[in-house]
Amino acid sequence: MHFSLGNYEESIRYSQEAVSRNSEAPRLRLMLAAAYSELDRIDDAQWEIEEALLLQPELSLAGIYYIFPYRDPVTMERLIQALRTAGLPE
């Protein structure tokens, strides 16, 4: 929700809390990566992508539509671009 609204700091805060409870959830790490990317914290974003890929090596931008089924195409494109910048493979 916070990512959709552009509240990236809040998105990071809630995602970090969720990761602390379930560190093996790639979806949470992808959301962290996207929020970090939007704040130009590229090193942090890349690290989260690396962690997500360790958990689920087949992750790619092509599958993001299934992981995050946003109805709003603008939000979806922002998410995809943020994850691309963070290093998620096509």
C-alpha atoms as a PDB file:
ATOM      1  CA  MET A   1       0.000   0.000   0.000  1.00  0.00           C
ATOM      2  CA  HIS A   2       2.702   2.502   0.960  1.00  0.00           C
ATOM      3  CA  PHE A   3       4.702   1.779  -2.185  1.00  0.00           C
ATOM      4  CA  SER A   4       1.593   2.427  -4.295  1.00  0.00           C
ATOM      5  CA  LEU A   5       1.129   5.793  -2.614  1.00  0.00           C
ATOM      6  CA  GLY A   6       4.777   6.761  -3.023  1.00  0.00           C
ATOM      7  CA  ASN A   7       5.452   6.530   0.717  1.00  0.00           C
ATOM      8  CA  TYR A   8       8.761   4.744   0.261  1.00  0.00           C
ATOM      9  CA  GLU A   9      10.121   5.308   3.761  1.00  0.00           C
ATOM     10  CA  GLU A  10       6.953   3.781   5.228  1.00  0.00           C
ATOM     11  CA  SER A  11       7.105   0.948   2.706  1.00  0.00           C
ATOM     12  CA  ILE A  12      10.656   0.204   3.838  1.00  0.00           C
ATOM     13  CA  ARG A  13       9.731   0.368   7.511  1.00  0.00           C
ATOM     14  CA  TYR A  14       6.828  -2.067   7.191  1.00  0.00           C
ATOM     15  CA  SER A  15       8.693  -4.353   4.797  1.00  0.00           C
ATOM     16  CA  GLN A  16      11.701  -4.539   7.127  1.00  0.00           C
ATOM     17  CA  GLU A  17       9.393  -5.458   9.984  1.00  0.00           C
ATOM     18  CA  ALA A  18       7.789  -8.169   7.858  1.00  0.00           C
ATOM     19  CA  VAL A  19      11.204  -9.516   6.769  1.00  0.00           C
ATOM     20  CA  SER A  20      12.276  -9.703  10.405  1.00  0.00           C
ATOM     21  CA  ARG A  21       9.338 -12.045  10.966  1.00  0.00           C
ATOM     22  CA  ASN A  22       9.781 -14.043   7.763  1.00  0.00           C
ATOM     23  CA  SER A  23      13.212 -13.618   6.190  1.00  0.00           C
ATOM     24  CA  GLU A  24      12.523 -16.302   3.592  1.00  0.00           C
ATOM     25  CA  ALA A  25       9.754 -14.454   1.749  1.00  0.00           C
ATOM     26  CA  PRO A  26      11.050 -13.258  -1.631  1.00  0.00           C
ATOM     27  CA  ARG A  27       8.004 -11.019  -2.151  1.00  0.00           C
ATOM     28  CA  LEU A  28       8.919  -8.962   0.912  1.00  0.00           C
ATOM     29  CA  ARG A  29      12.485  -8.587  -0.265  1.00  0.00           C
ATOM     30  CA  LEU A  30      11.315  -7.478  -3.712  1.00  0.00           C
ATOM     31  CA  MET A  31       9.145  -4.786  -2.149  1.00  0.00           C
ATOM     32  CA  LEU A  32      12.094  -3.609  -0.075  1.00  0.00           C
ATOM     33  CA  ALA A  33      14.268  -3.546  -3.192  1.00  0.00           C
ATOM     34  CA  ALA A  34      11.712  -1.470  -5.076  1.00  0.00           C
ATOM     35  CA  ALA A  35      11.314   1.059  -2.269  1.00  0.00           C
ATOM     36  CA  TYR A  36      15.074   1.354  -1.802  1.00  0.00           C
ATOM     37  CA  SER A  37      15.462   1.828  -5.546  1.00  0.00           C
ATOM     38  CA  GLU A  38      12.897   4.632  -5.578  1.00  0.00           C
ATOM     39  CA  LEU A  39      14.922   6.401  -2.878  1.00  0.00           C
ATOM     40  CA  ASP A  40      18.167   5.901  -4.861  1.00  0.00           C
ATOM     41  CA  ARG A  41      19.503   3.508  -2.229  1.00  0.00           C
ATOM     42  CA  ILE A  42      20.751   1.260  -4.999  1.00  0.00           C
ATOM     43  CA  ASP A  43      23.233  -0.754  -2.917  1.00  0.00           C
ATOM     44  CA  ASP A  44      20.456  -1.700  -0.490  1.00  0.00           C
ATOM     45  CA  ALA A  45      18.100  -2.455  -3.386  1.00  0.00           C
ATOM     46  CA  GLN A  46      20.650  -4.705  -5.094  1.00  0.00           C
ATOM     47  CA  TRP A  47      21.326  -6.576  -1.870  1.00  0.00           C
ATOM     48  CA  GLU A  48      17.611  -7.301  -1.438  1.00  0.00           C
ATOM     49  CA  ILE A  49      17.429  -8.570  -5.028  1.00  0.00           C
ATOM     50  CA  GLU A  50      20.388 -10.868  -4.352  1.00  0.00           C
ATOM     51  CA  GLU A  51      18.663 -12.202  -1.231  1.00  0.00           C
ATOM     52  CA  ALA A  52      15.381 -12.740  -3.102  1.00  0.00           C
ATOM     53  CA  LEU A  53      17.187 -14.603  -5.887  1.00  0.00           C
ATOM     54  CA  LEU A  54      18.913 -16.863  -3.356  1.00  0.00           C
ATOM     55  CA  LEU A  55      15.472 -17.793  -2.059  1.00  0.00           C
ATOM     56  CA  GLN A  56      13.863 -18.137  -5.473  1.00  0.00           C
ATOM     57  CA  PRO A  57      16.428 -18.186  -8.330  1.00  0.00           C
ATOM     58  CA  GLU A  58      13.826 -18.136 -11.097  1.00  0.00           C
ATOM     59  CA  LEU A  59      12.495 -14.694 -10.133  1.00  0.00           C
ATOM     60  CA  SER A  60      12.349 -12.253 -13.022  1.00  0.00           C
ATOM     61  CA  LEU A  61      10.626  -9.086 -14.121  1.00  0.00           C
ATOM     62  CA  ALA A  62       8.380 -11.172 -16.377  1.00  0.00           C
ATOM     63  CA  GLY A  63       6.849 -12.804 -13.308  1.00  0.00           C
ATOM     64  CA  ILE A  64       6.222  -9.624 -11.350  1.00  0.00           C
ATOM     65  CA  TYR A  65       2.668  -9.359 -12.696  1.00  0.00           C
ATOM     66  CA  TYR A  66       1.841 -12.583 -10.839  1.00  0.00           C
ATOM     67  CA  ILE A  67       3.618 -11.652  -7.620  1.00  0.00           C
ATOM     68  CA  PHE A  68       2.239  -8.094  -7.428  1.00  0.00           C
ATOM     69  CA  PRO A  69      -1.039  -7.945  -9.367  1.00  0.00           C
ATOM     70  CA  TYR A  70      -1.480  -4.171  -9.277  1.00  0.00           C
ATOM     71  CA  ARG A  71      -4.501  -2.980 -11.226  1.00  0.00           C
ATOM     72  CA  ASP A  72      -3.074   0.476 -11.746  1.00  0.00           C
ATOM     73  CA  PRO A  73      -0.705   0.333 -14.740  1.00  0.00           C
ATOM     74  CA  VAL A  74       1.228   3.395 -13.544  1.00  0.00           C
ATOM     75  CA  THR A  75       2.030   1.742 -10.202  1.00  0.00           C
ATOM     76  CA  MET A  76       2.947  -1.510 -11.942  1.00  0.00           C
ATOM     77  CA  GLU A  77       5.295   0.270 -14.327  1.00  0.00           C
ATOM     78  CA  ARG A  78       6.906   2.172 -11.423  1.00  0.00           C
ATOM     79  CA  LEU A  79       7.419  -1.120  -9.565  1.00  0.00           C
ATOM     80  CA  ILE A  80       8.912  -2.834 -12.609  1.00  0.00           C
ATOM     81  CA  GLN A  81      11.246   0.058 -13.315  1.00  0.00           C
ATOM     82  CA  ALA A  82      12.363   0.185  -9.677  1.00  0.00           C
ATOM     83  CA  LEU A  83      13.088  -3.566  -9.688  1.00  0.00           C
ATOM     84  CA  ARG A  84      14.879  -3.286 -13.029  1.00  0.00           C
ATOM     85  CA  THR A  85      17.079  -0.534 -11.576  1.00  0.00           C
ATOM     86  CA  ALA A  86      17.735  -2.753  -8.550  1.00  0.00           C
ATOM     87  CA  GLY A  87      18.952  -5.537 -10.832  1.00  0.00           C
ATOM     88  CA  LEU A  88      16.120  -8.044 -11.095  1.00  0.00           C
ATOM     89  CA  PRO A  89      16.687 -10.013 -14.306  1.00  0.00           C
ATOM     90  CA  GLU A  90      14.317  -9.619 -17.226  1.00  0.00           C
END
